[in-house]
Amino acid sequence: MKYYQEYNVREAAVSRIEYLYNEFDNVVVGFSGGKDSTVVLNLAIEVARKLGKLPVTAMFLDQEAEWQMTIDYVRETMNREEVDLHWLQVPIQISNGSSHDDNWLQCWAEGEQWMREKEPNSIHENTYGTKTFADMFTKWLRSKYWDETACYISGVRCEESPTRAVALTTTKTYKHITYRKQLDKAKDHYTFYPIYDWTYIDVWKAINDGGWNYCKLYDAQWQYGRAPVKMRVSNVHHETAIHDLLFMQEIEAETWSKLTKRMGGINTVKHLKKASMSVPKELPEAFESWKEYRDYLTEHLVTKEEHREIFRKKWRYLDKTYCVPLNLNHDYFHRIALTCILTNDYHMTKFANMERRPEIYSWRKWYYEGEPPRMKNQFIPKDAISPNDKGQTEKPKG
């Protein structure tokens, strides 16, 4: 249920950002080149100008395998007088969702042929004690503001995921604020999401009304027919973004050529199209069940034993947690597992998103921990219930 206030989401976001500027010694915009971080950056400029705190500090973590139009836009942003952009082009590793053999892109690794040369005024050396993308934000903030309070402001929004909606609207982590992530409690370092309650329509309206520059890759994707909610301008080989590989060759042929030389599996995805990433609608004839198909692909498609063991462990958990206690059509859960295998998602991002679906989370808390159900009549998605069975929605007696 939505409760409407006397102020709009733009006014609320400006108020939140102003509060953070007054609350913390340092405020940094986590900039990706996307539409959401574009809005956050421009709102921060608006607030910083009012408070006399220009230029706005921003940080861009370059993943090397980026769209060229995104890089062009970041360069334009870096040249703005109102912005002090720290461009990190340091060695990190990013998972490759397009291949089971070439699992990682070692971004900016010495001795390798990069997709493009580093920017002359970017940060080149990794002195932060991590090679992972997610940890780099925490480590960089700690390195730069060791003895000061600091926070990122980022463009994450609830509309993009029910999981985010729960995470950003329930528990208070910093004073009265729920729209946050704690990075380092001892040093008082956080990430805040001041536009968490915006829709993508709010985002584009703000860009249009403000006359703000934005990444022109969005225009190219719109012309291609990409749905606005599915447009991405960051790296295209992550397990949540590899569908963009299906049209990259048509939008940025030179970037596509460089990417196929840099990483394995990219061209395979292009030729197999969605078949390389999507679970088939019908169970292949060689298998008697989706579970058998899941286990077969785990053993024969996944090439590294360490990754196979990650999958095996998660499937044991899945079967024990859901398939055994529930009188359900197990195909729903096995197909989620198959999606993880086909996109090389051994980080289990897609599986975690499934578990955080409100109805599944509510059922699990009720069934295993005895919490009163938060949702009436339904605990598991309708597409998980067998057509011939209503499913287990009551605890077994005893």
Protein backbone atom coordinates (compact mmCIF):
# COMPACT_ATOMS: atom_id res chain seq x y z
CA MET A 1 0.00 0.00 0.00
CA LYS A 2 1.28 3.47 -0.88
CA TYR A 3 0.83 6.49 1.34
CA TYR A 4 0.99 9.78 -0.52
CA GLN A 5 2.64 12.80 1.09
CA GLU A 6 2.43 16.52 0.48
CA TYR A 7 5.87 16.44 -1.18
CA ASN A 8 7.04 14.48 -4.22
CA VAL A 9 9.91 12.00 -4.56
CA ARG A 10 12.26 14.61 -6.00
CA GLU A 11 11.77 16.93 -3.05
CA ALA A 12 12.20 14.00 -0.67
CA ALA A 13 15.46 12.94 -2.35
CA VAL A 14 16.91 16.45 -2.19
CA SER A 15 16.02 16.63 1.50
CA ARG A 16 17.68 13.27 2.16
CA ILE A 17 20.87 14.26 0.36
CA GLU A 18 21.03 17.58 2.20
CA TYR A 19 20.65 15.71 5.49
CA LEU A 20 23.58 13.44 4.58
CA TYR A 21 25.80 16.37 3.62
CA ASN A 22 25.14 17.90 7.03
CA GLU A 23 25.53 14.57 8.84
CA PHE A 24 28.79 13.22 7.36
CA ASP A 25 32.24 14.69 6.89
CA ASN A 26 32.36 13.35 3.34
CA VAL A 27 29.70 12.41 0.79
CA VAL A 28 30.66 10.46 -2.36
CA VAL A 29 28.40 9.71 -5.30
CA GLY A 30 28.80 6.10 -6.44
CA PHE A 31 28.73 6.75 -10.19
CA SER A 32 28.20 4.04 -12.83
CA GLY A 33 27.19 6.11 -15.85
CA GLY A 34 23.62 4.81 -15.57
CA LYS A 35 20.44 6.84 -15.40
CA ASP A 36 19.97 6.38 -11.64
CA SER A 37 23.46 7.50 -10.67
CA THR A 38 23.07 10.37 -13.15
CA VAL A 39 20.06 11.59 -11.17
CA VAL A 40 21.83 11.16 -7.82
CA LEU A 41 24.88 13.05 -9.11
CA ASN A 42 22.86 15.99 -10.37
CA LEU A 43 20.76 16.19 -7.22
CA ALA A 44 23.98 16.14 -5.18
CA ILE A 45 25.34 19.00 -7.28
CA GLU A 46 22.15 20.93 -6.60
CA VAL A 47 22.49 20.38 -2.84
CA ALA A 48 26.26 20.98 -2.74
CA ARG A 49 25.85 24.26 -4.61
CA LYS A 50 23.26 25.39 -2.05
CA LEU A 51 25.52 24.40 0.87
CA GLY A 52 28.70 25.79 -0.69
CA LYS A 53 30.30 22.32 -0.90
CA LEU A 54 31.14 22.04 -4.60
CA PRO A 55 32.68 20.15 -6.29
CA VAL A 56 30.82 16.92 -5.67
CA THR A 57 33.09 13.94 -5.04
CA ALA A 58 32.22 10.89 -7.17
CA MET A 59 33.76 7.45 -7.73
CA PHE A 60 33.57 5.30 -10.87
CA LEU A 61 34.86 1.71 -10.72
CA ASP A 62 35.76 0.81 -14.31
CA GLN A 63 35.17 -2.90 -15.11
CA GLU A 64 37.09 -2.67 -18.42
CA ALA A 65 34.45 -4.60 -20.42
CA GLU A 66 32.19 -1.57 -20.57
CA TRP A 67 30.10 -0.11 -23.36
CA GLN A 68 32.04 2.59 -25.20
CA MET A 69 29.09 4.99 -24.96
CA THR A 70 29.19 4.56 -21.19
CA ILE A 71 32.90 5.41 -21.12
CA ASP A 72 32.30 8.45 -23.34
CA TYR A 73 29.66 9.68 -20.92
CA VAL A 74 31.90 9.11 -17.87
CA ARG A 75 34.62 11.17 -19.59
CA GLU A 76 32.15 13.99 -20.14
CA THR A 77 31.15 13.81 -16.48
CA MET A 78 34.77 13.84 -15.33
CA ASN A 79 35.32 17.12 -17.18
CA ARG A 80 32.50 18.92 -15.37
CA GLU A 81 33.71 21.67 -13.05
CA GLU A 82 31.13 20.70 -10.42
CA VAL A 83 32.46 17.13 -10.20
CA ASP A 84 35.62 15.66 -8.68
CA LEU A 85 35.48 12.17 -10.19
CA HIS A 86 37.84 9.45 -8.97
CA TRP A 87 38.08 6.97 -11.86
CA LEU A 88 39.39 3.59 -10.69
CA GLN A 89 41.00 1.42 -13.37
CA VAL A 90 42.63 -1.05 -11.02
CA PRO A 91 43.08 -4.85 -11.26
CA ILE A 92 39.91 -6.61 -10.10
CA GLN A 93 38.11 -9.77 -11.15
CA ILE A 94 34.54 -9.90 -12.46
CA SER A 95 32.60 -13.12 -13.02
CA ASN A 96 31.91 -14.15 -16.61
CA GLY A 97 28.37 -15.47 -16.95
CA SER A 98 28.87 -16.44 -20.60
CA SER A 99 31.34 -19.30 -20.09
CA HIS A 100 31.93 -22.27 -17.79
CA ASP A 101 35.57 -22.48 -18.87
CA ASP A 102 36.60 -18.83 -18.74
CA ASN A 103 34.97 -17.95 -15.42
CA TRP A 104 36.57 -14.59 -14.73
CA LEU A 105 37.60 -11.42 -16.44
CA GLN A 106 40.78 -10.22 -14.77
CA CYS A 107 40.13 -6.55 -15.37
CA TRP A 108 43.20 -4.44 -16.09
CA ALA A 109 45.53 -7.35 -15.34
CA GLU A 110 49.16 -6.67 -16.20
CA GLY A 111 50.47 -8.38 -19.31
CA GLU A 112 47.03 -8.77 -20.94
CA GLN A 113 45.59 -6.92 -23.92
CA TRP A 114 42.96 -4.62 -22.48
CA MET A 115 39.85 -3.56 -24.36
CA ARG A 116 41.13 0.02 -24.28
CA GLU A 117 43.95 2.02 -22.77
CA LYS A 118 43.64 3.44 -19.28
CA GLU A 119 42.71 7.07 -18.80
CA PRO A 120 45.80 9.23 -18.10
CA ASN A 121 44.25 10.80 -15.00
CA SER A 122 42.61 7.70 -13.52
CA ILE A 123 43.77 5.62 -10.54
CA HIS A 124 45.81 2.69 -11.89
CA GLU A 125 47.25 0.88 -8.88
CA ASN A 126 45.21 -1.40 -6.62
CA THR A 127 46.44 -0.66 -3.09
CA TYR A 128 43.14 -1.47 -1.39
CA GLY A 129 43.63 -5.10 -0.36
CA THR A 130 40.85 -6.65 -2.46
CA LYS A 131 40.24 -7.78 -6.03
CA THR A 132 36.46 -8.12 -5.83
CA PHE A 133 34.09 -5.54 -7.26
CA ALA A 134 31.76 -5.32 -4.26
CA ASP A 135 34.50 -5.00 -1.63
CA MET A 136 36.33 -2.31 -3.56
CA PHE A 137 33.80 0.34 -2.59
CA THR A 138 34.25 -0.31 1.11
CA LYS A 139 38.04 -0.54 0.84
CA TRP A 140 38.37 2.61 -1.25
CA LEU A 141 36.24 4.66 1.14
CA ARG A 142 38.27 3.37 4.10
CA SER A 143 41.53 4.21 2.36
CA LYS A 144 40.49 7.73 1.42
CA TYR A 145 38.67 8.68 4.63
CA TRP A 146 40.48 6.65 7.28
CA ASP A 147 39.85 9.07 10.16
CA GLU A 148 36.62 10.70 8.93
CA THR A 149 32.98 9.79 8.63
CA ALA A 150 31.93 9.16 5.04
CA CYS A 151 29.14 7.76 2.94
CA TYR A 152 28.27 6.88 -0.61
CA ILE A 153 25.00 7.94 -2.15
CA SER A 154 23.88 5.58 -4.86
CA GLY A 155 20.99 5.08 -7.28
CA VAL A 156 19.53 1.75 -6.11
CA ARG A 157 15.73 1.71 -6.29
CA CYS A 158 13.09 -0.58 -4.78
CA GLU A 159 11.14 -0.81 -8.04
CA GLU A 160 13.85 -2.97 -9.57
CA SER A 161 13.52 -5.81 -7.06
CA PRO A 162 11.11 -6.97 -4.32
CA THR A 163 14.20 -7.96 -2.35
CA ARG A 164 15.44 -4.40 -2.41
CA ALA A 165 12.02 -3.14 -1.40
CA VAL A 166 12.13 -5.27 1.75
CA ALA A 167 15.75 -4.42 2.54
CA LEU A 168 15.38 -0.66 2.10
CA THR A 169 12.08 -0.11 3.89
CA THR A 170 12.16 -2.25 7.02
CA THR A 171 15.17 -2.13 9.35
CA LYS A 172 16.81 1.06 10.60
CA THR A 173 20.59 0.93 10.33
CA TYR A 174 21.54 4.58 10.69
CA LYS A 175 19.38 6.59 13.09
CA HIS A 176 15.92 6.84 11.48
CA ILE A 177 17.11 5.73 8.02
CA THR A 178 16.20 2.40 6.41
CA TYR A 179 17.44 3.14 2.87
CA ARG A 180 21.06 2.34 3.64
CA LYS A 181 23.81 -0.26 3.79
CA GLN A 182 26.40 -0.38 6.54
CA LEU A 183 29.93 -0.60 5.15
CA ASP A 184 32.14 -0.09 8.20
CA LYS A 185 30.42 0.57 11.53
CA ALA A 186 33.66 1.32 13.38
CA LYS A 187 34.54 4.11 10.96
CA ASP A 188 30.97 5.30 10.44
CA HIS A 189 30.97 4.50 6.71
CA TYR A 190 27.68 3.77 4.94
CA THR A 191 25.95 3.70 1.57
CA PHE A 192 22.59 5.48 1.25
CA TYR A 193 20.01 5.28 -1.52
CA PRO A 194 18.15 8.60 -1.60
CA ILE A 195 16.02 7.74 -4.66
CA TYR A 196 15.02 4.29 -3.38
CA ASP A 197 11.31 5.10 -3.75
CA TRP A 198 11.52 6.45 -7.32
CA THR A 199 10.12 4.73 -10.39
CA TYR A 200 11.99 4.68 -13.69
CA ILE A 201 9.45 7.23 -14.91
CA ASP A 202 10.49 9.57 -12.07
CA VAL A 203 14.11 9.09 -13.12
CA TRP A 204 13.57 10.01 -16.75
CA LYS A 205 11.27 12.90 -15.86
CA ALA A 206 13.98 14.37 -13.62
CA ILE A 207 16.58 14.01 -16.39
CA ASN A 208 14.24 15.64 -18.90
CA ASP A 209 13.08 18.45 -16.60
CA GLY A 210 16.65 19.21 -15.52
CA GLY A 211 18.02 19.12 -19.06
CA TRP A 212 20.75 16.84 -17.73
CA ASN A 213 23.15 14.98 -19.96
CA TYR A 214 22.92 11.17 -19.83
CA CYS A 215 24.47 8.08 -21.41
CA LYS A 216 23.31 7.91 -25.03
CA LEU A 217 23.39 4.12 -24.92
CA TYR A 218 19.84 4.39 -23.57
CA ASP A 219 18.75 6.01 -26.84
CA ALA A 220 20.39 3.22 -28.84
CA GLN A 221 18.70 0.54 -26.74
CA TRP A 222 15.35 2.30 -27.09
CA GLN A 223 15.75 2.33 -30.86
CA TYR A 224 16.60 -1.36 -30.73
CA GLY A 225 13.35 -2.04 -28.86
CA ARG A 226 14.75 -2.78 -25.42
CA ALA A 227 12.20 -2.33 -22.61
CA PRO A 228 13.14 0.63 -20.36
CA VAL A 229 13.16 -1.50 -17.20
CA LYS A 230 15.69 -3.89 -18.79
CA MET A 231 18.17 -1.31 -20.07
CA ARG A 232 21.68 -1.59 -18.60
CA VAL A 233 24.78 0.44 -19.40
CA SER A 234 27.30 -1.40 -17.21
CA ASN A 235 29.33 -4.53 -18.02
CA VAL A 236 27.56 -7.11 -20.18
CA HIS A 237 29.11 -10.40 -19.08
CA HIS A 238 27.74 -10.55 -15.55
CA GLU A 239 25.13 -13.29 -14.97
CA THR A 240 22.36 -10.69 -14.61
CA ALA A 241 23.27 -8.81 -17.81
CA ILE A 242 24.43 -11.23 -20.50
CA HIS A 243 21.21 -10.86 -22.49
CA ASP A 244 22.72 -7.57 -23.68
CA LEU A 245 25.25 -9.62 -25.66
CA LEU A 246 22.46 -10.50 -28.07
CA PHE A 247 22.40 -7.00 -29.54
CA MET A 248 25.81 -5.47 -28.72
CA GLN A 249 27.18 -6.29 -32.18
CA GLU A 250 24.46 -4.18 -33.78
CA ILE A 251 24.93 -1.18 -31.46
CA GLU A 252 28.70 -1.14 -30.87
CA ALA A 253 30.45 -3.39 -33.38
CA GLU A 254 33.96 -2.32 -32.34
CA THR A 255 33.24 -2.97 -28.65
CA TRP A 256 31.84 -6.38 -29.60
CA SER A 257 34.96 -7.25 -31.55
CA LYS A 258 37.23 -6.31 -28.65
CA LEU A 259 35.08 -8.20 -26.16
CA THR A 260 35.13 -11.46 -28.13
CA LYS A 261 38.93 -11.31 -28.22
CA ARG A 262 39.16 -10.48 -24.51
CA MET A 263 36.82 -13.12 -23.05
CA GLY A 264 35.65 -16.66 -23.73
CA GLY A 265 32.02 -17.58 -24.32
CA ILE A 266 30.92 -14.20 -25.69
CA ASN A 267 30.52 -15.26 -29.31
CA THR A 268 28.86 -18.53 -28.26
CA VAL A 269 26.10 -16.61 -26.53
CA LYS A 270 25.54 -14.52 -29.64
CA HIS A 271 25.14 -17.56 -31.93
CA LEU A 272 23.07 -19.67 -29.56
CA LYS A 273 21.00 -16.62 -28.61
CA LYS A 274 18.64 -17.18 -25.67
CA ALA A 275 19.06 -20.94 -25.94
CA SER A 276 22.43 -20.65 -24.23
CA MET A 277 20.97 -18.92 -21.17
CA SER A 278 17.31 -19.96 -20.95
CA VAL A 279 15.75 -23.07 -19.49
CA PRO A 280 13.82 -24.96 -22.20
CA LYS A 281 10.03 -24.88 -21.95
CA GLU A 282 9.77 -28.65 -22.28
CA LEU A 283 11.83 -31.22 -20.41
CA PRO A 284 14.34 -32.85 -22.80
CA GLU A 285 13.26 -36.39 -23.70
CA ALA A 286 16.44 -37.95 -22.36
CA PHE A 287 15.47 -37.06 -18.78
CA GLU A 288 12.64 -38.25 -16.56
CA SER A 289 12.50 -35.16 -14.37
CA TRP A 290 13.77 -31.59 -14.13
CA LYS A 291 15.73 -32.64 -11.05
CA GLU A 292 17.56 -35.27 -13.09
CA TYR A 293 18.24 -32.67 -15.80
CA ARG A 294 19.52 -30.24 -13.16
CA ASP A 295 21.90 -32.81 -11.69
CA TYR A 296 23.11 -33.90 -15.14
CA LEU A 297 24.03 -30.34 -16.18
CA THR A 298 25.74 -29.79 -12.86
CA GLU A 299 28.05 -32.73 -13.48
CA HIS A 300 28.59 -32.34 -17.23
CA LEU A 301 28.23 -28.66 -18.12
CA VAL A 302 30.02 -27.08 -15.16
CA THR A 303 33.71 -27.64 -15.84
CA LYS A 304 35.37 -26.76 -12.54
CA GLU A 305 35.01 -29.10 -9.56
CA GLU A 306 34.99 -26.23 -7.06
CA HIS A 307 31.99 -24.72 -8.84
CA ARG A 308 30.25 -28.09 -9.16
CA GLU A 309 30.53 -28.53 -5.41
CA ILE A 310 28.98 -25.08 -4.84
CA PHE A 311 26.03 -26.10 -6.98
CA ARG A 312 25.71 -29.54 -5.35
CA LYS A 313 25.66 -28.03 -1.88
CA LYS A 314 22.97 -25.52 -2.85
CA TRP A 315 20.82 -28.20 -4.51
CA ARG A 316 20.97 -30.32 -1.35
CA TYR A 317 19.75 -27.30 0.58
CA LEU A 318 17.01 -26.65 -1.97
CA ASP A 319 15.71 -30.22 -1.87
CA LYS A 320 15.76 -30.38 1.93
CA THR A 321 14.26 -26.95 2.51
CA TYR A 322 11.54 -26.85 -0.13
CA CYS A 323 11.07 -30.06 -2.09
CA VAL A 324 10.84 -32.48 0.82
CA PRO A 325 8.50 -30.60 3.19
CA LEU A 326 6.32 -29.18 0.42
CA ASN A 327 3.83 -31.15 -1.64
CA LEU A 328 4.58 -28.96 -4.61
CA ASN A 329 5.57 -29.10 -8.22
CA HIS A 330 9.32 -29.20 -7.65
CA ASP A 331 9.93 -28.14 -11.24
CA TYR A 332 9.65 -24.50 -10.19
CA PHE A 333 12.66 -24.75 -7.89
CA HIS A 334 14.66 -26.98 -10.22
CA ARG A 335 14.15 -24.55 -13.10
CA ILE A 336 15.53 -21.76 -10.91
CA ALA A 337 18.53 -24.00 -10.29
CA LEU A 338 18.91 -24.61 -14.04
CA THR A 339 18.93 -20.87 -14.67
CA CYS A 340 21.86 -20.55 -12.26
CA ILE A 341 23.77 -23.29 -14.09
CA LEU A 342 23.13 -21.93 -17.60
CA THR A 343 24.28 -18.42 -16.67
CA ASN A 344 27.27 -19.69 -14.68
CA ASP A 345 25.77 -18.08 -11.59
CA TYR A 346 27.66 -20.00 -8.93
CA HIS A 347 27.38 -16.87 -6.77
CA MET A 348 23.70 -17.89 -6.56
CA THR A 349 22.38 -14.41 -7.27
CA LYS A 350 19.27 -15.71 -9.01
CA PHE A 351 18.67 -18.32 -6.32
CA ALA A 352 18.96 -15.68 -3.60
CA ASN A 353 16.47 -13.48 -5.43
CA MET A 354 14.04 -16.41 -5.53
CA GLU A 355 14.39 -17.00 -1.80
CA ARG A 356 13.74 -13.35 -1.07
CA ARG A 357 10.45 -13.28 -2.94
CA PRO A 358 8.00 -12.04 -0.29
CA GLU A 359 5.70 -15.07 -0.50
CA ILE A 360 8.56 -17.57 -0.24
CA TYR A 361 10.23 -15.66 2.56
CA SER A 362 6.92 -15.49 4.42
CA TRP A 363 6.30 -19.21 4.02
CA ARG A 364 9.79 -20.11 5.20
CA LYS A 365 9.55 -17.94 8.32
CA TRP A 366 6.13 -19.42 9.09
CA TYR A 367 7.01 -23.05 8.41
CA TYR A 368 10.41 -23.19 10.10
CA GLU A 369 10.31 -20.43 12.71
CA GLY A 370 6.62 -20.25 13.61
CA GLU A 371 6.14 -16.61 12.68
CA PRO A 372 2.54 -15.59 11.86
CA PRO A 373 2.08 -15.48 8.07
CA ARG A 374 2.41 -12.04 6.56
CA MET A 375 0.43 -12.99 3.48
CA LYS A 376 -3.03 -14.49 3.38
CA ASN A 377 -4.03 -17.65 1.49
CA GLN A 378 -0.78 -18.05 -0.39
CA PHE A 379 2.74 -18.76 0.77
CA ILE A 380 4.34 -20.06 -2.42
CA PRO A 381 4.07 -18.61 -5.96
CA LYS A 382 1.22 -20.04 -8.03
CA ASP A 383 3.66 -21.22 -10.67
CA ALA A 384 5.29 -23.48 -8.06
CA ILE A 385 2.10 -25.36 -7.24
CA SER A 386 1.37 -28.50 -9.19
CA PRO A 387 -1.76 -28.34 -11.38
CA ASN A 388 -2.92 -31.53 -9.68
CA ASP A 389 -2.21 -30.46 -6.14
CA LYS A 390 -2.97 -27.39 -4.08
CA GLY A 391 0.37 -27.66 -2.34
CA GLN A 392 1.36 -27.81 1.30
CA THR A 393 0.11 -24.67 3.05
CA GLU A 394 -0.37 -26.19 6.47
CA LYS A 395 2.22 -27.45 8.90
CA PRO A 396 2.19 -31.21 9.34
CA LYS A 397 0.88 -32.14 12.77
CA GLY A 398 3.57 -33.32 15.14
